[in-house]
Amino acid sequence: MTALLRTILPILAACLVYGQDKSLTFEVASVKPAAPLVPNGRGMIMFRGPSGGPGTKDPGRINYPYMSLKSLLMTAYDVKNYQIDGPSWLDTERFDVNATLPPDTTKEQFRIMLQNLLAERFNLKVHHDTKELPMYALVVGKNGPKMKESVETPPPAEGADAPAPPPPLPSQPKIGPDGFPILPMLGGGRAGLFQIMMPGRARMMAVKQTMQDLAQRLSQQLNRPVTDATGLTAKYDFTLTYAPEGMNGPMPLMINGAPPPPPPPGGGAPGAGPGMPEADAPPPNLFSAVQTDLGLKLEAKKGPVDMIVVDHVEKTPIEN
């Protein structure tokens, strides 16, 4: 009986998750193949990311331009990129999705609405599975962590004015001696994990972040599960500079729709001097940077991962 229950319960759970309420739908929805992106006069491609939905400033509408079907699946089923098993074109075909939500729609209801929309327009059929996949464990290196513990900012006294918000990003930020822009918002102690992508190099800057936060971001970068096995429970401030891997080409930094000013002739960054890294010095890969910058280590292993397996999907959505 125990063995039978172990077999039946996962099947029932999958039915509950993937046999969702078909009555939960958007009020109005449009799904169209996206037009190709055209570079601007500077040779760069710019477009707005997805916006709207529950928990945002515009909870009653979503505007998802130039979205891959894999990204839509990730949103609909609340999973990571590596948790979707389907045809390769899920990453390449792009679509514009716009929809109006009923009032007071929750995040869970929104995901079911998006699942139903994909099933209706793309004839999508999926099932749940568990697979053994390569993954990484984030552990402390042999010499201990090199990160700085965050200093908690005391709450303002009763009746005191609220702290001023961090300054907005400038359209043309100053470039530091290592070739990366200087972001003033990091000086105000604003918690978060910020990332800058430059041609051939990347930087991750953390303020008041846990090791679980770091593991999640590394998982996104490596496209594999990363578990926190450090045993560190504090929040930390740190900077991680590395060479981005697995990218199709250099990604210029975009700040307020404009690129940063170029370095001066000769490739060095403004203000570079003795003992300072040059902007054109090749950074280490992510694995080496985690060790040298943070005193941590990524250990390879394998483990079970919940998967969304695509059984059938059409490339062209049904007309609106």
C-alpha atoms as a PDB file:
ATOM      1  CA  MET A   1       0.000   0.000   0.000  1.00  0.00           C
ATOM      2  CA  THR A   2       2.852   2.386   0.850  1.00  0.00           C
ATOM      3  CA  ALA A   3       4.527   1.735  -2.495  1.00  0.00           C
ATOM      4  CA  LEU A   4       1.215   2.277  -4.286  1.00  0.00           C
ATOM      5  CA  LEU A   5       0.664   5.604  -2.530  1.00  0.00           C
ATOM      6  CA  ARG A   6       4.171   6.731  -3.479  1.00  0.00           C
ATOM      7  CA  THR A   7       3.259   6.067  -7.085  1.00  0.00           C
ATOM      8  CA  ILE A   8      -0.229   7.591  -7.036  1.00  0.00           C
ATOM      9  CA  LEU A   9       0.367  10.756  -4.988  1.00  0.00           C
ATOM     10  CA  PRO A  10       2.830  12.396  -7.434  1.00  0.00           C
ATOM     11  CA  ILE A  11       0.411  11.674 -10.279  1.00  0.00           C
ATOM     12  CA  LEU A  12      -2.475  13.261  -8.353  1.00  0.00           C
ATOM     13  CA  ALA A  13      -0.292  16.269  -7.497  1.00  0.00           C
ATOM     14  CA  ALA A  14       0.630  16.693 -11.156  1.00  0.00           C
ATOM     15  CA  CYS A  15      -3.040  16.568 -12.129  1.00  0.00           C
ATOM     16  CA  LEU A  16      -3.865  19.245  -9.573  1.00  0.00           C
ATOM     17  CA  VAL A  17      -1.081  21.507 -10.841  1.00  0.00           C
ATOM     18  CA  TYR A  18      -1.431  21.002 -14.563  1.00  0.00           C
ATOM     19  CA  GLY A  19      -5.155  20.301 -14.818  1.00  0.00           C
ATOM     20  CA  GLN A  20      -5.943  23.850 -13.790  1.00  0.00           C
ATOM     21  CA  ASP A  21      -9.250  25.654 -13.737  1.00  0.00           C
ATOM     22  CA  LYS A  22     -10.010  26.381 -17.392  1.00  0.00           C
ATOM     23  CA  SER A  23     -12.459  29.108 -16.414  1.00  0.00           C
ATOM     24  CA  LEU A  24      -9.624  31.395 -15.295  1.00  0.00           C
ATOM     25  CA  THR A  25      -8.959  33.500 -18.381  1.00  0.00           C
ATOM     26  CA  PHE A  26      -7.915  37.011 -19.310  1.00  0.00           C
ATOM     27  CA  GLU A  27     -10.686  39.466 -20.127  1.00  0.00           C
ATOM     28  CA  VAL A  28      -8.981  40.313 -23.424  1.00  0.00           C
ATOM     29  CA  ALA A  29      -5.745  38.834 -24.789  1.00  0.00           C
ATOM     30  CA  SER A  30      -3.632  39.347 -27.914  1.00  0.00           C
ATOM     31  CA  VAL A  31      -0.797  37.019 -28.980  1.00  0.00           C
ATOM     32  CA  LYS A  32       1.103  37.868 -32.158  1.00  0.00           C
ATOM     33  CA  PRO A  33       4.475  36.970 -33.689  1.00  0.00           C
ATOM     34  CA  ALA A  34       6.880  39.802 -32.858  1.00  0.00           C
ATOM     35  CA  ALA A  35       8.439  41.939 -35.566  1.00  0.00           C
ATOM     36  CA  PRO A  36      12.245  41.677 -35.892  1.00  0.00           C
ATOM     37  CA  LEU A  37      14.202  44.154 -33.811  1.00  0.00           C
ATOM     38  CA  VAL A  38      15.998  46.834 -35.814  1.00  0.00           C
ATOM     39  CA  PRO A  39      19.263  48.434 -34.613  1.00  0.00           C
ATOM     40  CA  ASN A  40      19.194  52.170 -34.018  1.00  0.00           C
ATOM     41  CA  GLY A  41      21.639  54.717 -35.423  1.00  0.00           C
ATOM     42  CA  ARG A  42      24.296  53.602 -32.922  1.00  0.00           C
ATOM     43  CA  GLY A  43      24.027  49.991 -34.022  1.00  0.00           C
ATOM     44  CA  MET A  44      22.335  48.908 -30.789  1.00  0.00           C
ATOM     45  CA  ILE A  45      19.026  47.172 -30.280  1.00  0.00           C
ATOM     46  CA  MET A  46      16.781  48.513 -27.536  1.00  0.00           C
ATOM     47  CA  PHE A  47      13.340  47.396 -26.420  1.00  0.00           C
ATOM     48  CA  ARG A  48      11.234  47.457 -23.303  1.00  0.00           C
ATOM     49  CA  GLY A  49      10.996  44.372 -21.137  1.00  0.00           C
ATOM     50  CA  PRO A  50       7.781  42.800 -19.849  1.00  0.00           C
ATOM     51  CA  SER A  51       5.630  44.964 -17.594  1.00  0.00           C
ATOM     52  CA  GLY A  52       2.393  44.880 -15.648  1.00  0.00           C
ATOM     53  CA  GLY A  53       0.486  42.197 -13.811  1.00  0.00           C
ATOM     54  CA  PRO A  54      -0.240  41.414 -10.141  1.00  0.00           C
ATOM     55  CA  GLY A  55       2.222  43.015  -7.758  1.00  0.00           C
ATOM     56  CA  THR A  56       3.219  45.789 -10.188  1.00  0.00           C
ATOM     57  CA  LYS A  57       2.124  49.392 -10.679  1.00  0.00           C
ATOM     58  CA  ASP A  58      -0.220  48.217 -13.435  1.00  0.00           C
ATOM     59  CA  PRO A  59      -1.895  45.078 -12.006  1.00  0.00           C
ATOM     60  CA  GLY A  60      -4.776  45.076 -14.495  1.00  0.00           C
ATOM     61  CA  ARG A  61      -2.715  44.719 -17.682  1.00  0.00           C
ATOM     62  CA  ILE A  62       0.368  42.929 -18.992  1.00  0.00           C
ATOM     63  CA  ASN A  63       2.565  44.076 -21.839  1.00  0.00           C
ATOM     64  CA  TYR A  64       5.068  41.372 -22.808  1.00  0.00           C
ATOM     65  CA  PRO A  65       6.926  42.454 -25.961  1.00  0.00           C
ATOM     66  CA  TYR A  66       9.347  40.257 -27.906  1.00  0.00           C
ATOM     67  CA  MET A  67       9.026  37.297 -25.529  1.00  0.00           C
ATOM     68  CA  SER A  68      10.275  33.816 -26.307  1.00  0.00           C
ATOM     69  CA  LEU A  69       7.823  31.018 -25.690  1.00  0.00           C
ATOM     70  CA  LYS A  70      10.239  29.590 -23.135  1.00  0.00           C
ATOM     71  CA  SER A  71      10.107  32.860 -21.179  1.00  0.00           C
ATOM     72  CA  LEU A  72       6.317  32.731 -21.263  1.00  0.00           C
ATOM     73  CA  LEU A  73       6.397  29.152 -19.995  1.00  0.00           C
ATOM     74  CA  MET A  74       8.784  30.151 -17.213  1.00  0.00           C
ATOM     75  CA  THR A  75       6.356  32.854 -16.118  1.00  0.00           C
ATOM     76  CA  ALA A  76       3.255  30.671 -16.483  1.00  0.00           C
ATOM     77  CA  TYR A  77       4.637  27.737 -14.490  1.00  0.00           C
ATOM     78  CA  ASP A  78       6.954  29.707 -12.167  1.00  0.00           C
ATOM     79  CA  VAL A  79      10.066  27.707 -13.109  1.00  0.00           C
ATOM     80  CA  LYS A  80      13.631  28.400 -14.241  1.00  0.00           C
ATOM     81  CA  ASN A  81      15.004  28.140 -17.762  1.00  0.00           C
ATOM     82  CA  TYR A  82      16.648  24.754 -17.105  1.00  0.00           C
ATOM     83  CA  GLN A  83      13.339  23.307 -15.881  1.00  0.00           C
ATOM     84  CA  ILE A  84      11.743  23.373 -19.338  1.00  0.00           C
ATOM     85  CA  ASP A  85      12.323  20.466 -21.729  1.00  0.00           C
ATOM     86  CA  GLY A  86      11.075  21.195 -25.238  1.00  0.00           C
ATOM     87  CA  PRO A  87      12.072  22.001 -28.825  1.00  0.00           C
ATOM     88  CA  SER A  88      15.007  24.358 -29.360  1.00  0.00           C
ATOM     89  CA  TRP A  89      12.873  26.970 -31.114  1.00  0.00           C
ATOM     90  CA  LEU A  90      11.203  27.789 -27.777  1.00  0.00           C
ATOM     91  CA  ASP A  91      14.216  30.083 -27.249  1.00  0.00           C
ATOM     92  CA  THR A  92      14.248  31.710 -30.681  1.00  0.00           C
ATOM     93  CA  GLU A  93      10.665  32.384 -31.810  1.00  0.00           C
ATOM     94  CA  ARG A  94       9.410  35.686 -30.388  1.00  0.00           C
ATOM     95  CA  PHE A  95       5.907  36.928 -29.616  1.00  0.00           C
ATOM     96  CA  ASP A  96       4.108  40.038 -28.361  1.00  0.00           C
ATOM     97  CA  VAL A  97       1.555  39.292 -25.649  1.00  0.00           C
ATOM     98  CA  ASN A  98      -0.893  41.877 -24.302  1.00  0.00           C
ATOM     99  CA  ALA A  99      -3.778  41.109 -21.993  1.00  0.00           C
ATOM    100  CA  THR A 100      -6.266  42.652 -19.582  1.00  0.00           C
ATOM    101  CA  LEU A 101      -6.810  40.963 -16.218  1.00  0.00           C
ATOM    102  CA  PRO A 102      -9.993  40.843 -14.127  1.00  0.00           C
ATOM    103  CA  PRO A 103      -9.879  43.062 -11.021  1.00  0.00           C
ATOM    104  CA  ASP A 104      -8.010  41.720  -7.976  1.00  0.00           C
ATOM    105  CA  THR A 105      -6.325  38.888  -9.879  1.00  0.00           C
ATOM    106  CA  THR A 106      -3.719  37.153  -7.700  1.00  0.00           C
ATOM    107  CA  LYS A 107      -0.298  36.015  -8.928  1.00  0.00           C
ATOM    108  CA  GLU A 108      -1.394  32.386  -8.763  1.00  0.00           C
ATOM    109  CA  GLN A 109      -4.536  33.116 -10.781  1.00  0.00           C
ATOM    110  CA  PHE A 110      -2.485  35.089 -13.298  1.00  0.00           C
ATOM    111  CA  ARG A 111      -0.172  32.117 -13.872  1.00  0.00           C
ATOM    112  CA  ILE A 112      -3.160  29.841 -14.498  1.00  0.00           C
ATOM    113  CA  MET A 113      -4.597  32.397 -16.938  1.00  0.00           C
ATOM    114  CA  LEU A 114      -1.305  32.449 -18.810  1.00  0.00           C
ATOM    115  CA  GLN A 115      -1.180  28.634 -18.848  1.00  0.00           C
ATOM    116  CA  ASN A 116      -4.691  28.541 -20.316  1.00  0.00           C
ATOM    117  CA  LEU A 117      -3.818  31.200 -22.883  1.00  0.00           C
ATOM    118  CA  LEU A 118      -0.759  29.255 -24.079  1.00  0.00           C
ATOM    119  CA  ALA A 119      -2.828  26.067 -24.276  1.00  0.00           C
ATOM    120  CA  GLU A 120      -5.517  27.865 -26.298  1.00  0.00           C
ATOM    121  CA  ARG A 121      -3.334  29.825 -28.716  1.00  0.00           C
ATOM    122  CA  PHE A 122      -0.393  27.418 -29.163  1.00  0.00           C
ATOM    123  CA  ASN A 123      -2.207  24.119 -28.548  1.00  0.00           C
ATOM    124  CA  LEU A 124       0.319  23.614 -25.756  1.00  0.00           C
ATOM    125  CA  LYS A 125       0.385  20.289 -23.931  1.00  0.00           C
ATOM    126  CA  VAL A 126       2.823  19.638 -21.090  1.00  0.00           C
ATOM    127  CA  HIS A 127       3.425  17.173 -18.313  1.00  0.00           C
ATOM    128  CA  HIS A 128       5.439  17.160 -15.096  1.00  0.00           C
ATOM    129  CA  ASP A 129       8.552  15.015 -14.639  1.00  0.00           C
ATOM    130  CA  THR A 130      11.624  14.730 -12.408  1.00  0.00           C
ATOM    131  CA  LYS A 131      15.076  14.312 -13.933  1.00  0.00           C
ATOM    132  CA  GLU A 132      18.616  13.955 -12.637  1.00  0.00           C
ATOM    133  CA  LEU A 133      20.510  17.018 -13.873  1.00  0.00           C
ATOM    134  CA  PRO A 134      23.959  18.519 -13.337  1.00  0.00           C
ATOM    135  CA  MET A 135      23.946  21.208 -10.671  1.00  0.00           C
ATOM    136  CA  TYR A 136      26.268  23.047  -8.331  1.00  0.00           C
ATOM    137  CA  ALA A 137      26.612  23.458  -4.574  1.00  0.00           C
ATOM    138  CA  LEU A 138      27.901  26.819  -3.331  1.00  0.00           C
ATOM    139  CA  VAL A 139      30.346  26.116  -0.477  1.00  0.00           C
ATOM    140  CA  VAL A 140      32.917  28.070   1.522  1.00  0.00           C
ATOM    141  CA  GLY A 141      36.487  27.889   0.178  1.00  0.00           C
ATOM    142  CA  LYS A 142      39.382  26.504   2.211  1.00  0.00           C
ATOM    143  CA  ASN A 143      40.524  29.970   3.329  1.00  0.00           C
ATOM    144  CA  GLY A 144      37.068  31.171   4.361  1.00  0.00           C
ATOM    145  CA  PRO A 145      34.755  33.835   2.898  1.00  0.00           C
ATOM    146  CA  LYS A 146      36.136  37.179   1.755  1.00  0.00           C
ATOM    147  CA  MET A 147      32.839  39.046   1.764  1.00  0.00           C
ATOM    148  CA  LYS A 148      31.959  41.960   4.023  1.00  0.00           C
ATOM    149  CA  GLU A 149      28.994  41.529   6.342  1.00  0.00           C
ATOM    150  CA  SER A 150      26.347  44.167   5.737  1.00  0.00           C
ATOM    151  CA  VAL A 151      25.743  46.883   8.297  1.00  0.00           C
ATOM    152  CA  GLU A 152      22.077  47.119   9.115  1.00  0.00           C
ATOM    153  CA  THR A 153      20.691  50.638   8.849  1.00  0.00           C
ATOM    154  CA  PRO A 154      18.675  51.530  11.968  1.00  0.00           C
ATOM    155  CA  PRO A 155      15.063  52.520  11.305  1.00  0.00           C
ATOM    156  CA  PRO A 156      14.359  56.268  11.411  1.00  0.00           C
ATOM    157  CA  ALA A 157      13.311  57.646  14.775  1.00  0.00           C
ATOM    158  CA  GLU A 158       9.622  58.246  15.323  1.00  0.00           C
ATOM    159  CA  GLY A 159       8.639  61.521  13.703  1.00  0.00           C
ATOM    160  CA  ALA A 160      11.845  61.748  11.671  1.00  0.00           C
ATOM    161  CA  ASP A 161      11.747  62.295   7.942  1.00  0.00           C
ATOM    162  CA  ALA A 162      12.009  59.213   5.756  1.00  0.00           C
ATOM    163  CA  PRO A 163      15.442  58.700   4.164  1.00  0.00           C
ATOM    164  CA  ALA A 164      15.855  60.205   0.722  1.00  0.00           C
ATOM    165  CA  PRO A 165      15.536  57.731  -2.158  1.00  0.00           C
ATOM    166  CA  PRO A 166      18.727  56.859  -4.042  1.00  0.00           C
ATOM    167  CA  PRO A 167      19.524  59.214  -6.919  1.00  0.00           C
ATOM    168  CA  PRO A 168      18.402  58.147 -10.399  1.00  0.00           C
ATOM    169  CA  LEU A 169      20.899  56.647 -12.780  1.00  0.00           C
ATOM    170  CA  PRO A 170      22.563  59.282 -14.961  1.00  0.00           C
ATOM    171  CA  SER A 171      22.226  58.982 -18.719  1.00  0.00           C
ATOM    172  CA  GLN A 172      26.015  59.195 -19.052  1.00  0.00           C
ATOM    173  CA  PRO A 173      27.564  57.694 -15.886  1.00  0.00           C
ATOM    174  CA  LYS A 174      31.189  58.184 -14.958  1.00  0.00           C
ATOM    175  CA  ILE A 175      33.518  55.312 -15.764  1.00  0.00           C
ATOM    176  CA  GLY A 176      35.684  53.973 -12.949  1.00  0.00           C
ATOM    177  CA  PRO A 177      39.356  52.988 -13.230  1.00  0.00           C
ATOM    178  CA  ASP A 178      38.392  49.388 -14.025  1.00  0.00           C
ATOM    179  CA  GLY A 179      36.187  50.328 -16.988  1.00  0.00           C
ATOM    180  CA  PHE A 180      32.824  49.875 -15.263  1.00  0.00           C
ATOM    181  CA  PRO A 181      30.370  52.734 -14.674  1.00  0.00           C
ATOM    182  CA  ILE A 182      30.012  54.143 -11.178  1.00  0.00           C
ATOM    183  CA  LEU A 183      26.445  53.700  -9.963  1.00  0.00           C
ATOM    184  CA  PRO A 184      25.495  56.251  -7.297  1.00  0.00           C
ATOM    185  CA  MET A 185      22.510  54.223  -6.108  1.00  0.00           C
ATOM    186  CA  LEU A 186      24.854  51.701  -4.463  1.00  0.00           C
ATOM    187  CA  GLY A 187      26.250  54.310  -2.104  1.00  0.00           C
ATOM    188  CA  GLY A 188      22.941  54.772  -0.302  1.00  0.00           C
ATOM    189  CA  GLY A 189      22.851  51.262   1.138  1.00  0.00           C
ATOM    190  CA  ARG A 190      19.934  50.211  -1.032  1.00  0.00           C
ATOM    191  CA  ALA A 191      19.517  46.438  -0.706  1.00  0.00           C
ATOM    192  CA  GLY A 192      19.651  44.477  -3.915  1.00  0.00           C
ATOM    193  CA  LEU A 193      21.759  42.502  -6.355  1.00  0.00           C
ATOM    194  CA  PHE A 194      22.685  44.622  -9.352  1.00  0.00           C
ATOM    195  CA  GLN A 195      24.343  43.464 -12.545  1.00  0.00           C
ATOM    196  CA  ILE A 196      26.204  45.276 -15.302  1.00  0.00           C
ATOM    197  CA  MET A 197      27.046  43.640 -18.628  1.00  0.00           C
ATOM    198  CA  MET A 198      29.904  45.120 -20.647  1.00  0.00           C
ATOM    199  CA  PRO A 199      31.567  43.791 -23.809  1.00  0.00           C
ATOM    200  CA  GLY A 200      33.515  40.727 -22.661  1.00  0.00           C
ATOM    201  CA  ARG A 201      33.027  41.274 -18.936  1.00  0.00           C
ATOM    202  CA  ALA A 202      30.321  41.440 -16.305  1.00  0.00           C
ATOM    203  CA  ARG A 203      29.971  42.675 -12.750  1.00  0.00           C
ATOM    204  CA  MET A 204      27.613  41.623  -9.981  1.00  0.00           C
ATOM    205  CA  MET A 205      27.247  44.046  -7.054  1.00  0.00           C
ATOM    206  CA  ALA A 206      25.415  42.963  -3.925  1.00  0.00           C
ATOM    207  CA  VAL A 207      24.120  45.031  -1.022  1.00  0.00           C
ATOM    208  CA  LYS A 208      22.593  43.242   1.986  1.00  0.00           C
ATOM    209  CA  GLN A 209      22.249  39.917   0.184  1.00  0.00           C
ATOM    210  CA  THR A 210      22.088  36.390   1.585  1.00  0.00           C
ATOM    211  CA  MET A 211      23.902  33.367   0.197  1.00  0.00           C
ATOM    212  CA  GLN A 212      20.530  32.090  -0.998  1.00  0.00           C
ATOM    213  CA  ASP A 213      20.170  35.296  -3.023  1.00  0.00           C
ATOM    214  CA  LEU A 214      23.614  34.715  -4.519  1.00  0.00           C
ATOM    215  CA  ALA A 215      22.864  31.053  -5.294  1.00  0.00           C
ATOM    216  CA  GLN A 216      19.712  32.047  -7.173  1.00  0.00           C
ATOM    217  CA  ARG A 217      21.585  34.614  -9.271  1.00  0.00           C
ATOM    218  CA  LEU A 218      24.409  32.168 -10.032  1.00  0.00           C
ATOM    219  CA  SER A 219      21.772  29.657 -11.104  1.00  0.00           C
ATOM    220  CA  GLN A 220      20.509  32.185 -13.653  1.00  0.00           C
ATOM    221  CA  GLN A 221      24.023  32.830 -14.936  1.00  0.00           C
ATOM    222  CA  LEU A 222      24.969  29.145 -15.233  1.00  0.00           C
ATOM    223  CA  ASN A 223      21.526  27.914 -16.327  1.00  0.00           C
ATOM    224  CA  ARG A 224      21.802  25.130 -13.767  1.00  0.00           C
ATOM    225  CA  PRO A 225      20.470  24.703 -10.230  1.00  0.00           C
ATOM    226  CA  VAL A 226      22.774  26.150  -7.561  1.00  0.00           C
ATOM    227  CA  THR A 227      22.105  25.272  -3.914  1.00  0.00           C
ATOM    228  CA  ASP A 228      23.428  27.196  -0.930  1.00  0.00           C
ATOM    229  CA  ALA A 229      25.632  24.855   1.135  1.00  0.00           C
ATOM    230  CA  THR A 230      27.781  27.571   2.737  1.00  0.00           C
ATOM    231  CA  GLY A 231      26.095  27.556   6.131  1.00  0.00           C
ATOM    232  CA  LEU A 232      26.475  31.356   6.168  1.00  0.00           C
ATOM    233  CA  THR A 233      23.387  33.080   7.550  1.00  0.00           C
ATOM    234  CA  ALA A 234      24.381  36.763   7.504  1.00  0.00           C
ATOM    235  CA  LYS A 235      23.749  39.328   4.788  1.00  0.00           C
ATOM    236  CA  TYR A 236      26.733  40.522   2.791  1.00  0.00           C
ATOM    237  CA  ASP A 237      28.016  43.299   0.529  1.00  0.00           C
ATOM    238  CA  PHE A 238      30.291  42.129  -2.274  1.00  0.00           C
ATOM    239  CA  THR A 239      31.408  42.711  -5.850  1.00  0.00           C
ATOM    240  CA  LEU A 240      31.975  39.900  -8.328  1.00  0.00           C
ATOM    241  CA  THR A 241      33.703  40.658 -11.639  1.00  0.00           C
ATOM    242  CA  TYR A 242      33.941  37.920 -14.266  1.00  0.00           C
ATOM    243  CA  ALA A 243      33.910  37.024 -17.946  1.00  0.00           C
ATOM    244  CA  PRO A 244      30.352  36.136 -19.020  1.00  0.00           C
ATOM    245  CA  GLU A 245      30.100  32.647 -20.448  1.00  0.00           C
ATOM    246  CA  GLY A 246      27.605  31.098 -22.788  1.00  0.00           C
ATOM    247  CA  MET A 247      26.634  34.417 -24.361  1.00  0.00           C
ATOM    248  CA  ASN A 248      26.146  34.877 -28.083  1.00  0.00           C
ATOM    249  CA  GLY A 249      28.136  38.110 -28.142  1.00  0.00           C
ATOM    250  CA  PRO A 250      29.060  41.176 -26.146  1.00  0.00           C
ATOM    251  CA  MET A 251      26.225  42.971 -24.439  1.00  0.00           C
ATOM    252  CA  PRO A 252      26.757  46.709 -24.096  1.00  0.00           C
ATOM    253  CA  LEU A 253      25.546  48.311 -20.908  1.00  0.00           C
ATOM    254  CA  MET A 254      22.372  50.315 -21.323  1.00  0.00           C
ATOM    255  CA  ILE A 255      21.542  52.999 -18.761  1.00  0.00           C
ATOM    256  CA  ASN A 256      18.378  55.040 -19.290  1.00  0.00           C
ATOM    257  CA  GLY A 257      18.455  54.032 -22.946  1.00  0.00           C
ATOM    258  CA  ALA A 258      21.998  55.271 -23.598  1.00  0.00           C
ATOM    259  CA  PRO A 259      25.392  53.562 -23.533  1.00  0.00           C
ATOM    260  CA  PRO A 260      28.177  54.721 -21.199  1.00  0.00           C
ATOM    261  CA  PRO A 261      30.883  56.977 -22.632  1.00  0.00           C
ATOM    262  CA  PRO A 262      33.749  55.088 -24.276  1.00  0.00           C
ATOM    263  CA  PRO A 263      37.149  54.818 -22.582  1.00  0.00           C
ATOM    264  CA  PRO A 264      39.878  57.162 -23.777  1.00  0.00           C
ATOM    265  CA  PRO A 265      42.177  56.179 -26.660  1.00  0.00           C
ATOM    266  CA  GLY A 266      44.498  53.335 -25.769  1.00  0.00           C
ATOM    267  CA  GLY A 267      41.845  51.167 -24.122  1.00  0.00           C
ATOM    268  CA  GLY A 268      42.486  52.185 -20.526  1.00  0.00           C
ATOM    269  CA  ALA A 269      39.760  53.560 -18.330  1.00  0.00           C
ATOM    270  CA  PRO A 270      39.787  57.167 -17.175  1.00  0.00           C
ATOM    271  CA  GLY A 271      41.804  57.543 -14.013  1.00  0.00           C
ATOM    272  CA  ALA A 272      43.506  54.146 -14.221  1.00  0.00           C
ATOM    273  CA  GLY A 273      46.774  54.154 -12.364  1.00  0.00           C
ATOM    274  CA  PRO A 274      49.348  51.862 -10.755  1.00  0.00           C
ATOM    275  CA  GLY A 275      47.782  48.905  -8.980  1.00  0.00           C
ATOM    276  CA  MET A 276      44.378  49.450 -10.642  1.00  0.00           C
ATOM    277  CA  PRO A 277      43.031  46.905 -13.150  1.00  0.00           C
ATOM    278  CA  GLU A 278      42.828  48.114 -16.719  1.00  0.00           C
ATOM    279  CA  ALA A 279      39.469  48.128 -18.464  1.00  0.00           C
ATOM    280  CA  ASP A 280      40.778  45.807 -21.184  1.00  0.00           C
ATOM    281  CA  ALA A 281      42.363  43.274 -18.774  1.00  0.00           C
ATOM    282  CA  PRO A 282      40.516  39.951 -19.253  1.00  0.00           C
ATOM    283  CA  PRO A 283      38.546  39.020 -16.123  1.00  0.00           C
ATOM    284  CA  PRO A 284      38.437  35.426 -14.791  1.00  0.00           C
ATOM    285  CA  ASN A 285      35.564  33.109 -15.566  1.00  0.00           C
ATOM    286  CA  LEU A 286      32.676  32.918 -13.128  1.00  0.00           C
ATOM    287  CA  PHE A 287      33.998  29.870 -11.272  1.00  0.00           C
ATOM    288  CA  SER A 288      37.410  31.446 -10.644  1.00  0.00           C
ATOM    289  CA  ALA A 289      35.878  34.814  -9.725  1.00  0.00           C
ATOM    290  CA  VAL A 290      33.645  33.205  -7.090  1.00  0.00           C
ATOM    291  CA  GLN A 291      36.786  31.827  -5.439  1.00  0.00           C
ATOM    292  CA  THR A 292      39.077  34.853  -5.771  1.00  0.00           C
ATOM    293  CA  ASP A 293      36.511  37.602  -5.101  1.00  0.00           C
ATOM    294  CA  LEU A 294      34.226  35.905  -2.566  1.00  0.00           C
ATOM    295  CA  GLY A 295      36.221  33.069  -1.019  1.00  0.00           C
ATOM    296  CA  LEU A 296      33.523  30.605  -2.059  1.00  0.00           C
ATOM    297  CA  LYS A 297      33.490  27.650  -4.432  1.00  0.00           C
ATOM    298  CA  LEU A 298      31.073  26.008  -6.859  1.00  0.00           C
ATOM    299  CA  GLU A 299      31.177  22.216  -6.587  1.00  0.00           C
ATOM    300  CA  ALA A 300      29.644  20.129  -9.371  1.00  0.00           C
ATOM    301  CA  LYS A 301      27.120  17.440  -8.489  1.00  0.00           C
ATOM    302  CA  LYS A 302      23.869  15.891  -9.739  1.00  0.00           C
ATOM    303  CA  GLY A 303      20.409  15.921  -8.253  1.00  0.00           C
ATOM    304  CA  PRO A 304      16.662  15.655  -8.993  1.00  0.00           C
ATOM    305  CA  VAL A 305      15.016  18.635 -10.686  1.00  0.00           C
ATOM    306  CA  ASP A 306      11.304  19.178 -11.288  1.00  0.00           C
ATOM    307  CA  MET A 307      10.720  19.636 -15.017  1.00  0.00           C
ATOM    308  CA  ILE A 308       8.010  20.910 -17.352  1.00  0.00           C
ATOM    309  CA  VAL A 309       8.124  18.664 -20.423  1.00  0.00           C
ATOM    310  CA  VAL A 310       6.514  20.047 -23.582  1.00  0.00           C
ATOM    311  CA  ASP A 311       4.628  17.249 -25.344  1.00  0.00           C
ATOM    312  CA  HIS A 312       3.155  19.393 -28.129  1.00  0.00           C
ATOM    313  CA  VAL A 313       3.212  23.048 -29.149  1.00  0.00           C
ATOM    314  CA  GLU A 314       2.511  24.955 -32.373  1.00  0.00           C
ATOM    315  CA  LYS A 315       4.965  27.528 -33.709  1.00  0.00           C
ATOM    316  CA  THR A 316       2.266  29.856 -34.973  1.00  0.00           C
ATOM    317  CA  PRO A 317      -0.369  31.026 -32.487  1.00  0.00           C
ATOM    318  CA  ILE A 318      -4.042  30.895 -33.341  1.00  0.00           C
ATOM    319  CA  GLU A 319      -5.271  34.295 -34.540  1.00  0.00           C
ATOM    320  CA  ASN A 320      -6.681  36.641 -31.907  1.00  0.00           C
END
